[in-house]
N, C-alpha and C. Protein backbone atom coordinates (compact mmCIF):
# COMPACT_ATOMS: atom_id res chain seq x y z
N UNK A 1 -7.58 -17.13 8.12
CA UNK A 1 -8.48 -16.98 7.03
C UNK A 1 -9.76 -16.32 7.46
N UNK A 2 -10.83 -16.76 6.84
CA UNK A 2 -12.13 -16.19 7.12
C UNK A 2 -12.57 -16.56 8.53
N UNK A 3 -13.46 -15.76 9.10
CA UNK A 3 -13.97 -16.05 10.43
C UNK A 3 -15.02 -17.16 10.39
N UNK A 4 -15.60 -17.41 9.22
CA UNK A 4 -16.57 -18.49 9.04
C UNK A 4 -16.31 -19.14 7.69
N UNK A 5 -16.24 -20.44 7.66
CA UNK A 5 -15.93 -21.14 6.41
C UNK A 5 -17.17 -21.61 5.66
N UNK A 6 -18.37 -21.30 6.17
CA UNK A 6 -19.61 -21.69 5.53
C UNK A 6 -19.70 -21.03 4.15
N UNK A 7 -20.10 -21.79 3.13
CA UNK A 7 -20.32 -21.23 1.80
C UNK A 7 -21.66 -21.72 1.27
N UNK A 8 -22.30 -20.86 0.53
CA UNK A 8 -23.57 -21.21 -0.12
C UNK A 8 -23.91 -20.08 -1.08
N UNK A 9 -24.97 -20.23 -1.88
CA UNK A 9 -25.36 -19.16 -2.80
C UNK A 9 -25.74 -17.89 -2.04
N UNK A 10 -25.60 -16.76 -2.74
CA UNK A 10 -25.90 -15.45 -2.16
C UNK A 10 -27.26 -15.40 -1.48
N UNK A 11 -28.28 -15.97 -2.12
CA UNK A 11 -29.63 -15.85 -1.57
C UNK A 11 -29.81 -16.60 -0.25
N UNK A 12 -28.85 -17.42 0.15
CA UNK A 12 -28.93 -18.14 1.42
C UNK A 12 -27.94 -17.63 2.46
N UNK A 13 -26.90 -16.94 2.05
CA UNK A 13 -25.85 -16.55 2.99
C UNK A 13 -26.35 -15.55 4.01
N UNK A 14 -27.28 -14.68 3.62
CA UNK A 14 -27.77 -13.68 4.57
C UNK A 14 -28.43 -14.35 5.77
N UNK A 15 -29.27 -15.35 5.53
CA UNK A 15 -29.91 -16.03 6.66
C UNK A 15 -28.88 -16.79 7.49
N UNK A 16 -27.81 -17.27 6.87
CA UNK A 16 -26.75 -17.91 7.65
C UNK A 16 -26.10 -16.89 8.60
N UNK A 17 -25.91 -15.67 8.11
CA UNK A 17 -25.35 -14.62 8.95
C UNK A 17 -26.18 -14.39 10.20
N UNK A 18 -27.48 -14.51 10.09
CA UNK A 18 -28.35 -14.32 11.26
C UNK A 18 -28.05 -15.37 12.32
N UNK A 19 -27.59 -16.57 11.92
CA UNK A 19 -27.26 -17.60 12.90
C UNK A 19 -26.05 -17.18 13.75
N UNK A 20 -25.25 -16.21 13.25
CA UNK A 20 -24.12 -15.68 14.02
C UNK A 20 -24.54 -14.47 14.86
N UNK A 21 -25.81 -14.12 14.81
CA UNK A 21 -26.29 -12.98 15.59
C UNK A 21 -26.14 -11.65 14.87
N UNK A 22 -25.88 -11.66 13.55
CA UNK A 22 -25.77 -10.42 12.81
C UNK A 22 -27.14 -9.77 12.79
N UNK A 23 -27.18 -8.51 13.09
CA UNK A 23 -28.44 -7.80 13.14
C UNK A 23 -28.38 -6.62 12.20
N UNK A 24 -29.54 -6.02 11.96
CA UNK A 24 -29.56 -4.85 11.10
C UNK A 24 -28.74 -3.75 11.73
N UNK A 25 -29.13 -3.18 12.87
CA UNK A 25 -28.32 -2.25 13.64
C UNK A 25 -27.92 -0.96 12.96
N UNK A 26 -28.62 -0.55 11.90
CA UNK A 26 -28.28 0.68 11.22
C UNK A 26 -29.51 1.30 10.59
N UNK A 27 -29.38 2.54 10.12
CA UNK A 27 -30.44 3.24 9.40
C UNK A 27 -30.04 3.33 7.94
N UNK A 28 -30.89 2.84 7.05
CA UNK A 28 -30.64 2.94 5.62
C UNK A 28 -30.93 4.37 5.18
N UNK A 29 -29.93 5.04 4.60
CA UNK A 29 -30.10 6.42 4.13
C UNK A 29 -30.51 6.45 2.66
N UNK A 30 -29.87 5.62 1.88
CA UNK A 30 -30.18 5.45 0.46
C UNK A 30 -29.55 4.14 0.06
N UNK A 31 -29.80 3.69 -1.16
CA UNK A 31 -29.24 2.41 -1.57
C UNK A 31 -27.72 2.43 -1.43
N UNK A 32 -27.20 1.45 -0.69
CA UNK A 32 -25.76 1.33 -0.51
C UNK A 32 -25.17 2.24 0.54
N UNK A 33 -26.00 2.97 1.28
CA UNK A 33 -25.49 3.93 2.27
C UNK A 33 -26.28 3.80 3.57
N UNK A 34 -25.56 3.57 4.66
CA UNK A 34 -26.19 3.41 5.97
C UNK A 34 -25.44 4.21 7.03
N UNK A 35 -26.08 4.42 8.16
CA UNK A 35 -25.43 5.06 9.29
C UNK A 35 -25.83 4.34 10.57
N UNK A 36 -24.96 4.42 11.55
CA UNK A 36 -25.27 3.86 12.86
C UNK A 36 -24.48 4.62 13.91
N UNK A 37 -24.83 4.39 15.16
CA UNK A 37 -24.06 4.97 16.25
C UNK A 37 -23.70 3.89 17.22
N UNK A 38 -22.56 4.06 17.84
CA UNK A 38 -22.06 3.09 18.81
C UNK A 38 -22.47 3.59 20.19
N UNK A 39 -23.28 2.81 20.88
CA UNK A 39 -23.74 3.16 22.21
C UNK A 39 -22.92 2.43 23.25
N UNK A 40 -22.69 3.08 24.39
CA UNK A 40 -21.95 2.42 25.47
C UNK A 40 -22.36 3.02 26.81
N UNK A 41 -22.43 2.15 27.80
CA UNK A 41 -22.65 2.59 29.17
C UNK A 41 -21.28 2.84 29.79
N UNK A 42 -21.24 3.49 30.93
CA UNK A 42 -19.97 3.78 31.60
C UNK A 42 -19.15 2.52 31.81
N UNK A 43 -19.77 1.46 32.28
CA UNK A 43 -19.06 0.20 32.54
C UNK A 43 -18.45 -0.35 31.25
N UNK A 44 -19.20 -0.26 30.15
CA UNK A 44 -18.68 -0.75 28.87
C UNK A 44 -17.47 0.06 28.43
N UNK A 45 -17.46 1.37 28.72
CA UNK A 45 -16.31 2.19 28.35
C UNK A 45 -15.06 1.70 29.07
N UNK A 46 -15.19 1.34 30.34
CA UNK A 46 -14.05 0.80 31.07
C UNK A 46 -13.57 -0.50 30.44
N UNK A 47 -14.52 -1.34 30.01
CA UNK A 47 -14.16 -2.59 29.35
C UNK A 47 -13.41 -2.32 28.05
N UNK A 48 -13.87 -1.33 27.26
CA UNK A 48 -13.19 -1.00 26.01
C UNK A 48 -11.76 -0.56 26.28
N UNK A 49 -11.54 0.14 27.37
CA UNK A 49 -10.20 0.62 27.68
C UNK A 49 -9.24 -0.51 28.03
N UNK A 50 -9.78 -1.65 28.45
CA UNK A 50 -8.94 -2.73 28.98
C UNK A 50 -8.90 -4.00 28.15
N UNK A 51 -9.57 -4.03 27.02
CA UNK A 51 -9.58 -5.26 26.24
C UNK A 51 -9.87 -4.99 24.77
N UNK A 52 -9.60 -5.98 23.95
CA UNK A 52 -9.97 -5.91 22.54
C UNK A 52 -11.46 -6.19 22.43
N UNK A 53 -12.04 -5.79 21.32
CA UNK A 53 -13.47 -6.02 21.13
C UNK A 53 -13.77 -6.25 19.65
N UNK A 54 -14.54 -7.28 19.39
CA UNK A 54 -15.07 -7.53 18.04
C UNK A 54 -16.58 -7.50 18.14
N UNK A 55 -17.20 -6.81 17.22
CA UNK A 55 -18.65 -6.69 17.23
C UNK A 55 -19.22 -7.45 16.04
N UNK A 56 -20.43 -7.97 16.18
CA UNK A 56 -21.02 -8.68 15.04
C UNK A 56 -21.13 -7.74 13.84
N UNK A 57 -20.71 -8.20 12.66
CA UNK A 57 -20.81 -7.34 11.48
C UNK A 57 -22.27 -7.01 11.15
N UNK A 58 -22.45 -5.85 10.55
CA UNK A 58 -23.74 -5.47 10.01
C UNK A 58 -23.79 -5.97 8.58
N UNK A 59 -24.99 -6.24 8.08
CA UNK A 59 -25.14 -6.70 6.70
C UNK A 59 -25.79 -5.60 5.87
N UNK A 60 -25.26 -5.40 4.67
CA UNK A 60 -25.78 -4.41 3.74
C UNK A 60 -25.92 -5.06 2.37
N UNK A 61 -27.11 -4.98 1.81
CA UNK A 61 -27.33 -5.45 0.44
C UNK A 61 -27.21 -4.27 -0.50
N UNK A 62 -26.45 -4.46 -1.58
CA UNK A 62 -26.29 -3.41 -2.58
C UNK A 62 -25.99 -4.08 -3.92
N UNK A 63 -26.67 -3.64 -4.95
CA UNK A 63 -26.42 -4.14 -6.31
C UNK A 63 -26.50 -5.68 -6.36
N UNK A 64 -27.44 -6.24 -5.62
CA UNK A 64 -27.67 -7.69 -5.53
C UNK A 64 -26.45 -8.45 -4.99
N UNK A 65 -25.69 -7.80 -4.13
CA UNK A 65 -24.55 -8.41 -3.45
C UNK A 65 -24.67 -8.15 -1.96
N UNK A 66 -24.02 -8.98 -1.18
CA UNK A 66 -24.06 -8.85 0.27
C UNK A 66 -22.71 -8.37 0.78
N UNK A 67 -22.74 -7.27 1.52
CA UNK A 67 -21.54 -6.68 2.11
C UNK A 67 -21.64 -6.79 3.62
N UNK A 68 -20.50 -7.00 4.26
CA UNK A 68 -20.43 -7.06 5.72
C UNK A 68 -19.63 -5.86 6.21
N UNK A 69 -20.16 -5.17 7.19
CA UNK A 69 -19.59 -3.97 7.76
C UNK A 69 -18.98 -4.34 9.11
N UNK A 70 -17.69 -4.12 9.26
CA UNK A 70 -16.98 -4.54 10.47
C UNK A 70 -16.44 -3.35 11.25
N UNK A 71 -16.45 -3.50 12.57
CA UNK A 71 -15.76 -2.58 13.46
C UNK A 71 -15.25 -3.37 14.65
N UNK A 72 -13.99 -3.11 14.99
CA UNK A 72 -13.35 -3.86 16.07
C UNK A 72 -12.21 -3.04 16.66
N UNK A 73 -11.86 -3.37 17.91
CA UNK A 73 -10.81 -2.66 18.62
C UNK A 73 -9.70 -3.63 19.00
N UNK A 74 -8.47 -3.22 18.77
CA UNK A 74 -7.28 -3.98 19.18
C UNK A 74 -6.69 -3.31 20.41
N UNK A 75 -6.87 -3.94 21.56
CA UNK A 75 -6.39 -3.36 22.82
C UNK A 75 -4.88 -3.16 22.82
N UNK A 76 -4.14 -4.12 22.32
CA UNK A 76 -2.68 -4.05 22.35
C UNK A 76 -2.14 -2.84 21.60
N UNK A 77 -2.92 -2.34 20.66
CA UNK A 77 -2.48 -1.19 19.86
C UNK A 77 -3.29 0.07 20.16
N UNK A 78 -4.36 -0.06 20.97
CA UNK A 78 -5.25 1.07 21.32
C UNK A 78 -5.83 1.74 20.07
N UNK A 79 -6.21 0.91 19.10
CA UNK A 79 -6.81 1.44 17.88
C UNK A 79 -8.03 0.62 17.45
N UNK A 80 -8.88 1.26 16.68
CA UNK A 80 -10.09 0.66 16.13
C UNK A 80 -9.92 0.53 14.62
N UNK A 81 -10.48 -0.55 14.07
CA UNK A 81 -10.48 -0.79 12.62
C UNK A 81 -11.93 -0.85 12.13
N UNK A 82 -12.20 -0.19 11.01
CA UNK A 82 -13.52 -0.19 10.39
C UNK A 82 -13.31 -0.53 8.92
N UNK A 83 -14.03 -1.55 8.42
CA UNK A 83 -13.85 -1.93 7.02
C UNK A 83 -15.11 -2.63 6.50
N UNK A 84 -15.17 -2.76 5.17
CA UNK A 84 -16.31 -3.38 4.49
C UNK A 84 -15.79 -4.54 3.65
N UNK A 85 -16.40 -5.70 3.87
CA UNK A 85 -16.08 -6.91 3.10
C UNK A 85 -17.26 -7.25 2.19
N UNK A 86 -16.95 -7.77 1.03
CA UNK A 86 -17.97 -8.27 0.10
C UNK A 86 -18.00 -9.79 0.18
N UNK A 87 -19.18 -10.35 0.31
CA UNK A 87 -19.31 -11.80 0.22
C UNK A 87 -19.25 -12.15 -1.26
N UNK A 88 -18.04 -12.38 -1.74
CA UNK A 88 -17.83 -12.67 -3.15
C UNK A 88 -16.34 -12.73 -3.45
N UNK A 89 -16.03 -12.88 -4.70
CA UNK A 89 -14.65 -13.08 -5.15
C UNK A 89 -13.86 -11.77 -5.16
N UNK A 90 -12.55 -11.93 -5.30
CA UNK A 90 -11.69 -10.75 -5.40
C UNK A 90 -12.01 -9.95 -6.65
N UNK A 91 -12.29 -10.63 -7.76
CA UNK A 91 -12.60 -9.90 -9.00
C UNK A 91 -13.92 -9.14 -8.86
N UNK A 92 -14.90 -9.71 -8.18
CA UNK A 92 -16.16 -9.00 -7.95
C UNK A 92 -15.94 -7.79 -7.05
N UNK A 93 -15.11 -7.93 -6.04
CA UNK A 93 -14.88 -6.81 -5.11
C UNK A 93 -14.24 -5.62 -5.82
N UNK A 94 -13.48 -5.86 -6.88
CA UNK A 94 -12.83 -4.77 -7.61
C UNK A 94 -13.83 -3.88 -8.35
N UNK A 95 -15.08 -4.32 -8.44
CA UNK A 95 -16.12 -3.52 -9.09
C UNK A 95 -16.70 -2.46 -8.16
N UNK A 96 -16.27 -2.49 -6.88
CA UNK A 96 -16.85 -1.60 -5.88
C UNK A 96 -15.78 -0.84 -5.11
N UNK A 97 -16.16 0.28 -4.60
CA UNK A 97 -15.34 1.05 -3.68
C UNK A 97 -16.22 1.42 -2.49
N UNK A 98 -15.60 1.91 -1.43
CA UNK A 98 -16.41 2.25 -0.27
C UNK A 98 -15.91 3.54 0.37
N UNK A 99 -16.78 4.10 1.19
CA UNK A 99 -16.46 5.26 2.00
C UNK A 99 -16.93 4.96 3.41
N UNK A 100 -16.11 5.33 4.38
CA UNK A 100 -16.47 5.21 5.79
C UNK A 100 -16.18 6.57 6.41
N UNK A 101 -17.21 7.18 7.01
CA UNK A 101 -17.10 8.50 7.62
C UNK A 101 -17.43 8.36 9.10
N UNK A 102 -16.69 9.05 9.96
CA UNK A 102 -16.93 8.96 11.39
C UNK A 102 -16.88 10.35 12.02
N UNK A 103 -17.75 10.54 13.02
CA UNK A 103 -17.76 11.82 13.72
C UNK A 103 -18.33 11.69 15.12
N UNK A 104 -18.49 12.82 15.78
CA UNK A 104 -19.03 12.82 17.14
C UNK A 104 -20.40 12.16 17.24
N UNK A 105 -20.67 11.59 18.41
CA UNK A 105 -21.89 10.83 18.63
C UNK A 105 -23.17 11.63 18.54
N UNK A 106 -23.11 12.94 18.70
CA UNK A 106 -24.34 13.74 18.67
C UNK A 106 -24.71 14.24 17.28
N UNK A 107 -23.96 13.83 16.25
CA UNK A 107 -24.29 14.27 14.89
C UNK A 107 -25.60 13.64 14.42
N UNK A 108 -26.37 14.39 13.68
CA UNK A 108 -27.60 13.89 13.08
C UNK A 108 -27.25 12.87 11.99
N UNK A 109 -28.11 11.87 11.83
CA UNK A 109 -27.84 10.81 10.86
C UNK A 109 -27.71 11.32 9.43
N UNK A 110 -28.29 12.47 9.13
CA UNK A 110 -28.21 13.03 7.79
C UNK A 110 -27.10 14.06 7.62
N UNK A 111 -26.30 14.30 8.65
CA UNK A 111 -25.26 15.33 8.60
C UNK A 111 -23.88 14.73 8.38
N UNK A 112 -23.72 14.13 7.22
CA UNK A 112 -22.45 13.50 6.85
C UNK A 112 -21.30 14.51 6.81
N UNK A 113 -21.60 15.75 6.50
CA UNK A 113 -20.56 16.78 6.43
C UNK A 113 -19.87 17.02 7.77
N UNK A 114 -20.48 16.57 8.87
CA UNK A 114 -19.88 16.73 10.18
C UNK A 114 -18.84 15.68 10.52
N UNK A 115 -18.67 14.71 9.64
CA UNK A 115 -17.67 13.65 9.88
C UNK A 115 -16.27 14.24 9.93
N UNK A 116 -15.46 13.76 10.87
CA UNK A 116 -14.10 14.26 11.04
C UNK A 116 -13.03 13.28 10.57
N UNK A 117 -13.38 12.02 10.43
CA UNK A 117 -12.45 11.00 9.93
C UNK A 117 -13.11 10.33 8.73
N UNK A 118 -12.35 10.18 7.64
CA UNK A 118 -12.92 9.63 6.40
C UNK A 118 -11.94 8.65 5.77
N UNK A 119 -12.47 7.51 5.33
CA UNK A 119 -11.71 6.55 4.53
C UNK A 119 -12.43 6.40 3.20
N UNK A 120 -11.69 6.48 2.11
CA UNK A 120 -12.22 6.19 0.77
C UNK A 120 -11.26 5.18 0.15
N UNK A 121 -11.80 4.04 -0.27
CA UNK A 121 -10.91 3.04 -0.84
C UNK A 121 -11.63 1.79 -1.25
N UNK A 122 -10.91 0.68 -1.15
CA UNK A 122 -11.39 -0.60 -1.66
C UNK A 122 -12.36 -1.30 -0.72
N UNK A 123 -13.29 -2.02 -1.34
CA UNK A 123 -14.08 -3.02 -0.64
C UNK A 123 -13.21 -4.27 -0.61
N UNK A 124 -13.20 -4.97 0.51
CA UNK A 124 -12.32 -6.12 0.69
C UNK A 124 -13.08 -7.41 0.37
N UNK A 125 -12.50 -8.31 -0.43
CA UNK A 125 -13.16 -9.59 -0.67
C UNK A 125 -13.17 -10.44 0.61
N UNK A 126 -14.16 -11.27 0.75
CA UNK A 126 -14.35 -12.04 1.98
C UNK A 126 -13.19 -13.00 2.27
N UNK A 127 -12.42 -13.36 1.26
CA UNK A 127 -11.34 -14.33 1.46
C UNK A 127 -10.17 -13.77 2.26
N UNK A 128 -10.07 -12.46 2.44
CA UNK A 128 -8.97 -11.86 3.20
C UNK A 128 -9.23 -11.99 4.69
N UNK A 129 -8.20 -12.32 5.44
CA UNK A 129 -8.32 -12.40 6.90
C UNK A 129 -8.32 -10.98 7.49
N UNK A 130 -8.75 -10.89 8.73
CA UNK A 130 -8.72 -9.58 9.41
C UNK A 130 -7.30 -9.03 9.47
N UNK A 131 -6.33 -9.90 9.76
CA UNK A 131 -4.95 -9.45 9.84
C UNK A 131 -4.46 -8.90 8.51
N UNK A 132 -4.83 -9.55 7.41
CA UNK A 132 -4.46 -9.06 6.09
C UNK A 132 -5.11 -7.71 5.81
N UNK A 133 -6.35 -7.56 6.23
CA UNK A 133 -7.06 -6.30 6.02
C UNK A 133 -6.40 -5.19 6.82
N UNK A 134 -6.12 -5.44 8.09
CA UNK A 134 -5.47 -4.43 8.93
C UNK A 134 -4.14 -4.00 8.34
N UNK A 135 -3.35 -4.97 7.87
CA UNK A 135 -2.03 -4.67 7.32
C UNK A 135 -2.10 -3.97 5.95
N UNK A 136 -3.21 -4.16 5.22
CA UNK A 136 -3.33 -3.62 3.87
C UNK A 136 -3.55 -2.11 3.85
N UNK A 137 -4.09 -1.57 4.93
CA UNK A 137 -4.44 -0.15 4.93
C UNK A 137 -5.80 0.12 4.31
N UNK A 138 -6.50 -0.92 3.89
CA UNK A 138 -7.81 -0.76 3.27
C UNK A 138 -8.91 -0.72 4.33
N UNK A 139 -8.74 0.19 5.28
CA UNK A 139 -9.71 0.34 6.35
C UNK A 139 -9.52 1.70 7.01
N UNK A 140 -10.53 2.11 7.73
CA UNK A 140 -10.41 3.31 8.55
C UNK A 140 -9.81 2.89 9.88
N UNK A 141 -8.74 3.54 10.29
CA UNK A 141 -8.07 3.23 11.54
C UNK A 141 -8.14 4.47 12.41
N UNK A 142 -8.67 4.30 13.64
CA UNK A 142 -8.87 5.43 14.54
C UNK A 142 -8.35 5.05 15.92
N UNK A 143 -7.59 5.94 16.55
CA UNK A 143 -7.05 5.62 17.87
C UNK A 143 -8.08 5.89 18.97
N UNK A 144 -7.80 5.33 20.14
CA UNK A 144 -8.72 5.46 21.28
C UNK A 144 -8.98 6.92 21.65
N UNK A 145 -7.95 7.76 21.58
CA UNK A 145 -8.11 9.17 21.95
C UNK A 145 -9.16 9.85 21.07
N UNK A 146 -9.16 9.53 19.79
CA UNK A 146 -10.16 10.09 18.87
C UNK A 146 -11.56 9.60 19.23
N UNK A 147 -11.68 8.30 19.48
CA UNK A 147 -12.98 7.73 19.86
C UNK A 147 -13.50 8.43 21.12
N UNK A 148 -12.64 8.63 22.09
CA UNK A 148 -13.06 9.31 23.33
C UNK A 148 -13.49 10.74 23.06
N UNK A 149 -12.83 11.42 22.13
CA UNK A 149 -13.20 12.80 21.81
C UNK A 149 -14.56 12.87 21.11
N UNK A 150 -14.98 11.80 20.45
CA UNK A 150 -16.27 11.76 19.76
C UNK A 150 -17.44 11.45 20.69
N UNK A 151 -17.14 10.95 21.87
CA UNK A 151 -18.20 10.51 22.78
C UNK A 151 -19.06 11.68 23.25
N UNK A 152 -20.37 11.47 23.18
CA UNK A 152 -21.37 12.41 23.68
C UNK A 152 -22.35 11.61 24.51
N UNK A 153 -22.35 11.82 25.81
CA UNK A 153 -23.18 11.05 26.74
C UNK A 153 -22.91 9.56 26.54
N UNK A 154 -23.93 8.79 26.17
CA UNK A 154 -23.72 7.34 26.00
C UNK A 154 -23.48 6.94 24.54
N UNK A 155 -23.26 7.91 23.67
CA UNK A 155 -23.00 7.61 22.26
C UNK A 155 -21.51 7.82 21.98
N UNK A 156 -20.83 6.74 21.66
CA UNK A 156 -19.37 6.81 21.44
C UNK A 156 -19.00 7.53 20.15
N UNK A 157 -19.76 7.28 19.08
CA UNK A 157 -19.50 7.94 17.81
C UNK A 157 -20.67 7.68 16.86
N UNK A 158 -20.73 8.47 15.80
CA UNK A 158 -21.66 8.25 14.69
C UNK A 158 -20.80 7.83 13.51
N UNK A 159 -21.27 6.85 12.74
CA UNK A 159 -20.50 6.38 11.58
C UNK A 159 -21.42 6.17 10.39
N UNK A 160 -20.90 6.49 9.22
CA UNK A 160 -21.62 6.29 7.96
C UNK A 160 -20.81 5.33 7.10
N UNK A 161 -21.49 4.43 6.42
CA UNK A 161 -20.87 3.43 5.55
C UNK A 161 -21.52 3.55 4.18
N UNK A 162 -20.71 3.56 3.14
CA UNK A 162 -21.27 3.68 1.78
C UNK A 162 -20.50 2.76 0.84
N UNK A 163 -21.24 2.03 0.01
CA UNK A 163 -20.67 1.21 -1.05
C UNK A 163 -21.12 1.80 -2.38
N UNK A 164 -20.18 1.91 -3.30
CA UNK A 164 -20.45 2.50 -4.62
C UNK A 164 -19.85 1.63 -5.70
N UNK A 165 -20.46 1.65 -6.88
CA UNK A 165 -19.88 0.98 -8.04
C UNK A 165 -18.74 1.85 -8.57
N UNK A 166 -17.66 1.20 -8.98
CA UNK A 166 -16.57 1.94 -9.63
C UNK A 166 -17.02 2.32 -11.02
N UNK A 167 -16.55 3.46 -11.45
CA UNK A 167 -16.93 3.94 -12.80
C UNK A 167 -15.95 3.47 -13.83
């Protein structure tokens, strides 16, 4: 199931996330749209090659809702998963869609057109497990070779995350 079973009203859940070490870690471009880059030292790159990795989700507020931005690597499959979860019900999540764009680490934060991998699809409700999300296809999936091709110096990749209301 969920990675955390804590529940409370929306106005309190964000501060609870901070107790898990969730940090801002991104640049807000416009409402519902952020970008970040994944930094790594040489030693960390070797670690990525030899193990799975889960990173603390980023938090994004949009339309008075809280979204969690996830990125993680499955060593056994040599692939990375990127997805957006909504802290809310399945019916609420159907009101939103998301876009995840990824490109080389040296791209400027405002140069979304340089992205080489793109996912457009559903925002996932928080009740879905990671395994269900991975199996659903409702995520950006990128192999290790692609991640390595995006690396520029100590920047592994640039990524943009966007949440939008469905029309």
